Amino acid sequence: MAARRGPQTAAVLGTALGITGGHCDENLLAPEYHHVGEGVADGPWAARAAVRRNIKYGADLIKVCASGGVLSKGDQPGTPQYTLEEMQAIAEEAHKLGRKVAAHAHGTQSIKDAIRAGIDTIEHCSLIDDEGIALAKEHGTWLVFDIYNDDYILSEGAKVGMLPESIEKERNLGRHQRENFRRAYLAGAKLAFGTDGGVYPHGDNWKQFPVMVEFGMKPIDAIRAATVNAADLMGWSDRVGALEKGYYADLIAVDGDPLADVRSLGRVRFVMKGGVVVRNDGAAGAAMGR
């Protein structure tokens, strides 16, 4: 067998877990509606029960909101939400049941609490400090900086209906996140590629590569972040992330050398999925005599 073929499912996380009124609570309705988000779980035992519920309904991993966020109303990205004790309970329960945990965490303290709790990957990492970077290295925690978002939110956010307070929060946060990405990379922390999917249109995900390079990452390391590193983070190193016998044959070819011009990763000309060619612009061009 040269490569794995056939269907391949993405990881499913179910409902993200968070505190009452926090980033993962659907808190835009007026109080008289008495609405609470499905993922709200306050206290260690309620949080454990929420992990069990998500796994019961098919979750492959667990996501928690450790801090406030940019696109939620009424909170601040740097403010802690889940406590260390709550996150320890979540991580212990998820790991016992064979699942990894990802933490939405912008804030300095929330990042460190999530790492100390045993959470596997920190998303955003915007206000991470030197102690947080050192803790991530000590614990082997993955850091995922979604540093293209800043460009999109500031240029397009108002046009697509993002709240003015969200755009202002991003304006105050984005540059810090990018500089901290540089510091984490230079310090040798484990970095994986992540885009906070859904904030901007799918298909623009590649635009993060040039931002990673702009803020200090070598092109080859940016590519590794999205392939071998991301596979390791997900626990899929035996299936994806490398050109090896027995792996899923999920391949792309681009117009140009991404090591010389990382923006060529946005010029995809060939796609193979599970060993099946689903796009081949070169073949089409040849057929038309170009």
Protein backbone atom coordinates (compact mmCIF):
# COMPACT_ATOMS: atom_id res chain seq x y z
CA MET A 1 0.00 0.00 0.00
CA ALA A 2 1.53 3.29 -1.10
CA ALA A 3 -0.90 5.62 0.60
CA ARG A 4 -4.16 5.67 2.49
CA ARG A 5 -7.20 6.33 0.37
CA GLY A 6 -10.86 6.96 0.94
CA PRO A 7 -12.78 9.14 3.38
CA GLN A 8 -11.05 10.98 6.13
CA THR A 9 -12.95 12.91 8.78
CA ALA A 10 -11.87 16.08 10.53
CA ALA A 11 -11.76 16.28 14.30
CA VAL A 12 -15.04 17.38 15.90
CA LEU A 13 -15.09 19.24 19.22
CA GLY A 14 -18.79 19.64 19.99
CA THR A 15 -19.76 22.62 22.15
CA ALA A 16 -16.94 24.75 23.55
CA LEU A 17 -17.03 24.96 27.35
CA GLY A 18 -16.99 28.19 29.34
CA ILE A 19 -18.30 30.15 32.30
CA THR A 20 -21.65 31.87 32.66
CA GLY A 21 -21.48 35.15 30.74
CA GLY A 22 -18.07 34.31 29.31
CA HIS A 23 -16.65 34.08 25.82
CA CYS A 24 -18.29 30.68 25.19
CA ASP A 25 -21.69 31.75 26.54
CA GLU A 26 -24.18 33.05 23.99
CA ASN A 27 -24.66 36.26 25.90
CA LEU A 28 -26.16 38.66 23.37
CA LEU A 29 -29.83 38.16 24.36
CA ALA A 30 -31.60 40.38 26.87
CA PRO A 31 -31.76 39.06 30.48
CA GLU A 32 -35.49 38.35 30.31
CA TYR A 33 -34.81 35.50 27.89
CA HIS A 34 -32.85 33.65 30.62
CA HIS A 35 -30.72 32.09 27.91
CA VAL A 36 -27.58 30.16 28.83
CA GLY A 37 -25.17 28.80 26.25
CA GLU A 38 -25.13 25.05 25.80
CA GLY A 39 -21.44 24.83 26.74
CA VAL A 40 -21.72 26.74 30.02
CA ALA A 41 -20.35 24.73 32.96
CA ASP A 42 -19.41 26.45 36.22
CA GLY A 43 -17.27 24.62 38.76
CA PRO A 44 -15.05 21.53 38.46
CA TRP A 45 -17.78 18.88 38.62
CA ALA A 46 -20.08 20.64 36.18
CA ALA A 47 -17.08 21.02 33.87
CA ARG A 48 -16.30 17.28 34.16
CA ALA A 49 -19.94 16.49 33.33
CA ALA A 50 -19.76 18.77 30.28
CA VAL A 51 -16.67 16.93 29.03
CA ARG A 52 -18.46 13.61 29.42
CA ARG A 53 -21.53 14.96 27.61
CA ASN A 54 -19.48 16.20 24.66
CA ILE A 55 -17.67 12.89 24.36
CA LYS A 56 -20.94 10.99 24.62
CA TYR A 57 -22.14 12.81 21.52
CA GLY A 58 -19.00 12.18 19.51
CA ALA A 59 -16.45 14.88 20.37
CA ASP A 60 -12.89 14.01 19.34
CA LEU A 61 -11.44 16.83 21.44
CA ILE A 62 -12.53 19.38 24.02
CA LYS A 63 -12.29 23.16 23.73
CA VAL A 64 -12.49 25.53 26.68
CA CYS A 65 -12.61 29.29 26.97
CA ALA A 66 -9.96 30.21 29.52
CA SER A 67 -10.14 33.98 28.94
CA GLY A 68 -12.35 36.62 27.44
CA GLY A 69 -12.37 37.17 23.71
CA VAL A 70 -12.40 39.65 20.86
CA LEU A 71 -15.70 38.77 19.19
CA SER A 72 -17.76 38.22 22.35
CA LYS A 73 -19.71 41.11 23.84
CA GLY A 74 -19.02 42.55 27.27
CA ASP A 75 -15.74 40.88 28.20
CA GLN A 76 -12.06 41.60 27.64
CA PRO A 77 -9.51 39.27 25.98
CA GLY A 78 -7.02 39.59 28.83
CA THR A 79 -9.49 38.72 31.60
CA PRO A 80 -9.33 35.21 33.12
CA GLN A 81 -12.54 33.21 32.99
CA TYR A 82 -12.11 29.50 33.77
CA THR A 83 -10.07 28.98 36.93
CA LEU A 84 -7.04 26.74 37.25
CA GLU A 85 -9.10 24.27 39.29
CA GLU A 86 -11.83 24.08 36.64
CA MET A 87 -9.32 23.59 33.82
CA GLN A 88 -7.48 20.91 35.78
CA ALA A 89 -10.75 19.01 36.10
CA ILE A 90 -11.47 19.38 32.38
CA ALA A 91 -8.00 18.26 31.32
CA GLU A 92 -8.01 15.29 33.69
CA GLU A 93 -11.44 14.13 32.56
CA ALA A 94 -10.68 14.55 28.85
CA HIS A 95 -7.31 12.81 29.04
CA LYS A 96 -8.80 9.95 31.05
CA LEU A 97 -11.27 9.46 28.20
CA GLY A 98 -8.58 9.70 25.52
CA ARG A 99 -9.23 13.23 24.26
CA LYS A 100 -7.00 16.29 23.95
CA VAL A 101 -7.97 19.75 25.16
CA ALA A 102 -7.56 23.12 23.44
CA ALA A 103 -7.88 26.39 25.34
CA HIS A 104 -8.98 29.70 23.88
CA ALA A 105 -6.67 31.98 25.86
CA HIS A 106 -5.63 35.54 25.05
CA GLY A 107 -4.78 36.63 28.59
CA THR A 108 -1.40 36.28 30.27
CA GLN A 109 -2.67 34.55 33.42
CA SER A 110 -5.17 32.37 31.58
CA ILE A 111 -2.44 31.06 29.28
CA LYS A 112 -0.28 30.08 32.25
CA ASP A 113 -3.20 28.54 34.14
CA ALA A 114 -4.16 26.48 31.08
CA ILE A 115 -0.61 25.20 30.66
CA ARG A 116 -0.31 24.33 34.35
CA ALA A 117 -3.69 22.56 34.17
CA GLY A 118 -2.30 20.17 31.57
CA ILE A 119 -4.20 21.50 28.54
CA ASP A 120 -2.59 20.37 25.30
CA THR A 121 -2.78 23.43 23.07
CA ILE A 122 -3.28 27.15 23.63
CA GLU A 123 -5.18 29.06 20.93
CA HIS A 124 -4.47 32.78 20.25
CA CYS A 125 -1.75 33.20 22.94
CA SER A 126 -1.99 36.95 22.39
CA LEU A 127 -0.63 38.27 25.70
CA ILE A 128 1.74 35.44 26.56
CA ASP A 129 4.77 36.56 28.57
CA ASP A 130 8.26 35.11 29.03
CA GLU A 131 7.09 32.92 31.92
CA GLY A 132 4.25 31.58 29.78
CA ILE A 133 6.62 30.75 26.93
CA ALA A 134 8.96 28.99 29.37
CA LEU A 135 6.05 27.04 30.86
CA ALA A 136 4.89 25.98 27.38
CA LYS A 137 8.38 24.66 26.62
CA GLU A 138 8.59 22.89 29.99
CA HIS A 139 5.21 21.18 29.59
CA GLY A 140 5.49 20.52 25.85
CA THR A 141 2.34 22.58 25.23
CA TRP A 142 1.55 23.64 21.68
CA LEU A 143 1.02 27.35 20.98
CA VAL A 144 -1.26 28.39 18.11
CA PHE A 145 -1.08 32.08 17.15
CA ASP A 146 -3.77 33.05 14.60
CA ILE A 147 -1.91 36.16 13.55
CA TYR A 148 -3.57 36.87 10.18
CA ASN A 149 -6.92 37.63 11.86
CA ASP A 150 -5.78 41.13 12.78
CA ASP A 151 -5.56 42.19 9.13
CA TYR A 152 -9.03 40.88 8.31
CA ILE A 153 -10.85 42.16 11.39
CA LEU A 154 -9.44 45.67 11.11
CA SER A 155 -10.00 45.98 7.36
CA GLU A 156 -13.24 44.02 6.88
CA GLY A 157 -14.82 43.57 10.30
CA ALA A 158 -17.20 46.54 10.13
CA LYS A 159 -18.33 45.51 6.63
CA VAL A 160 -19.33 42.02 7.78
CA GLY A 161 -21.15 43.18 10.90
CA MET A 162 -18.59 42.78 13.69
CA LEU A 163 -19.36 44.92 16.71
CA PRO A 164 -17.41 48.20 17.07
CA GLU A 165 -16.22 47.06 20.50
CA SER A 166 -14.80 43.89 18.94
CA ILE A 167 -12.89 45.85 16.33
CA GLU A 168 -11.49 48.12 19.04
CA LYS A 169 -10.44 45.12 21.12
CA GLU A 170 -8.62 43.71 18.10
CA ARG A 171 -6.94 47.06 17.47
CA ASN A 172 -5.52 46.94 21.00
CA LEU A 173 -4.49 43.28 20.80
CA GLY A 174 -3.21 42.39 17.35
CA ARG A 175 0.25 43.92 17.43
CA HIS A 176 0.97 42.41 20.86
CA GLN A 177 0.00 38.98 19.54
CA ARG A 178 2.31 39.27 16.56
CA GLU A 179 5.28 40.43 18.60
CA ASN A 180 4.70 37.62 21.09
CA PHE A 181 4.56 35.15 18.20
CA ARG A 182 8.05 36.33 17.23
CA ARG A 183 9.29 35.91 20.81
CA ALA A 184 7.81 32.43 21.16
CA TYR A 185 9.35 31.32 17.86
CA LEU A 186 12.79 32.67 18.73
CA ALA A 187 12.55 31.00 22.14
CA GLY A 188 11.97 27.59 20.52
CA ALA A 189 8.39 26.99 21.71
CA LYS A 190 6.28 24.40 19.90
CA LEU A 191 4.20 26.29 17.32
CA ALA A 192 1.43 24.95 15.10
CA PHE A 193 -0.56 26.64 12.33
CA GLY A 194 -4.13 27.60 13.20
CA THR A 195 -6.45 30.19 11.70
CA ASP A 196 -9.46 30.53 14.04
CA GLY A 197 -11.56 29.18 11.16
CA GLY A 198 -14.74 31.10 10.41
CA VAL A 199 -13.52 34.56 11.42
CA TYR A 200 -12.62 35.21 7.79
CA PRO A 201 -13.63 33.35 4.60
CA HIS A 202 -12.31 29.85 4.11
CA GLY A 203 -9.86 29.88 1.24
CA ASP A 204 -7.96 32.81 2.71
CA ASN A 205 -6.26 30.60 5.29
CA TRP A 206 -2.98 30.67 3.36
CA LYS A 207 -2.69 34.42 4.04
CA GLN A 208 -1.35 33.62 7.48
CA PHE A 209 1.87 32.16 6.03
CA PRO A 210 3.29 35.53 4.89
CA VAL A 211 2.40 37.11 8.23
CA MET A 212 4.25 34.34 10.07
CA VAL A 213 7.30 34.97 7.89
CA GLU A 214 7.00 38.75 8.31
CA PHE A 215 7.19 38.28 12.07
CA GLY A 216 10.33 36.20 12.05
CA MET A 217 9.51 32.61 11.09
CA LYS A 218 11.48 30.91 8.31
CA PRO A 219 9.25 29.77 5.41
CA ILE A 220 10.17 26.11 5.96
CA ASP A 221 9.15 26.40 9.62
CA ALA A 222 5.83 28.00 8.65
CA ILE A 223 5.16 25.08 6.32
CA ARG A 224 6.14 22.59 9.03
CA ALA A 225 3.81 24.36 11.46
CA ALA A 226 0.91 23.55 9.13
CA THR A 227 1.97 19.99 8.33
CA VAL A 228 4.15 17.90 10.64
CA ASN A 229 3.56 20.13 13.68
CA ALA A 230 -0.21 20.31 13.24
CA ALA A 231 -0.34 16.54 12.76
CA ASP A 232 1.61 16.04 15.98
CA LEU A 233 -0.65 18.43 17.88
CA MET A 234 -3.73 16.50 16.78
CA GLY A 235 -2.23 13.10 17.49
CA TRP A 236 -2.40 12.26 13.79
CA SER A 237 1.31 11.92 13.06
CA ASP A 238 0.74 8.40 11.78
CA ARG A 239 -1.75 9.60 9.15
CA VAL A 240 -1.07 13.11 7.87
CA GLY A 241 1.59 15.79 7.74
CA ALA A 242 4.24 13.94 5.74
CA LEU A 243 4.87 12.35 2.35
CA GLU A 244 5.29 8.80 3.59
CA LYS A 245 4.09 5.32 2.70
CA GLY A 246 0.83 4.53 4.49
CA TYR A 247 -0.17 8.16 5.00
CA TYR A 248 -3.23 9.80 3.50
CA ALA A 249 -2.29 11.05 0.06
CA ASP A 250 -3.46 14.61 0.67
CA LEU A 251 -1.18 16.77 -1.49
CA ILE A 252 -1.09 20.18 -3.13
CA ALA A 253 1.21 21.71 -5.72
CA VAL A 254 1.65 25.46 -6.04
CA ASP A 255 2.87 27.88 -8.67
CA GLY A 256 6.31 28.84 -7.38
CA ASP A 257 8.81 27.95 -4.70
CA PRO A 258 7.30 28.62 -1.25
CA LEU A 259 10.76 28.62 0.33
CA ALA A 260 11.66 31.63 -1.82
CA ASP A 261 8.20 33.23 -1.94
CA VAL A 262 5.86 31.98 0.77
CA ARG A 263 2.93 33.74 -0.93
CA SER A 264 3.05 31.05 -3.61
CA LEU A 265 1.13 28.89 -1.11
CA GLY A 266 -1.88 30.95 -2.18
CA ARG A 267 -1.43 29.88 -5.81
CA VAL A 268 -2.61 26.28 -5.61
CA ARG A 269 -2.67 24.52 -8.98
CA PHE A 270 -3.03 20.85 -8.02
CA VAL A 271 -4.97 19.09 -5.25
CA MET A 272 -5.00 15.40 -4.39
CA LYS A 273 -7.34 14.20 -1.63
CA GLY A 274 -7.01 10.64 -0.36
CA GLY A 275 -5.12 9.68 -3.51
CA VAL A 276 -7.79 11.13 -5.82
CA VAL A 277 -6.93 14.15 -7.99
CA VAL A 278 -9.65 16.77 -7.49
CA ARG A 279 -7.89 19.70 -9.20
CA ASN A 280 -5.18 19.85 -11.83
CA ASP A 281 -4.85 23.21 -13.52
CA GLY A 282 -1.73 22.08 -15.33
CA ALA A 283 -3.59 19.29 -17.10
CA ALA A 284 -6.39 21.66 -18.08
CA GLY A 285 -3.89 24.16 -19.44
CA ALA A 286 -2.10 21.47 -21.43
CA ALA A 287 -5.39 20.28 -22.92
CA MET A 288 -6.14 23.79 -24.17
CA GLY A 289 -2.69 24.12 -25.72
CA ARG A 290 -1.34 26.69 -23.24
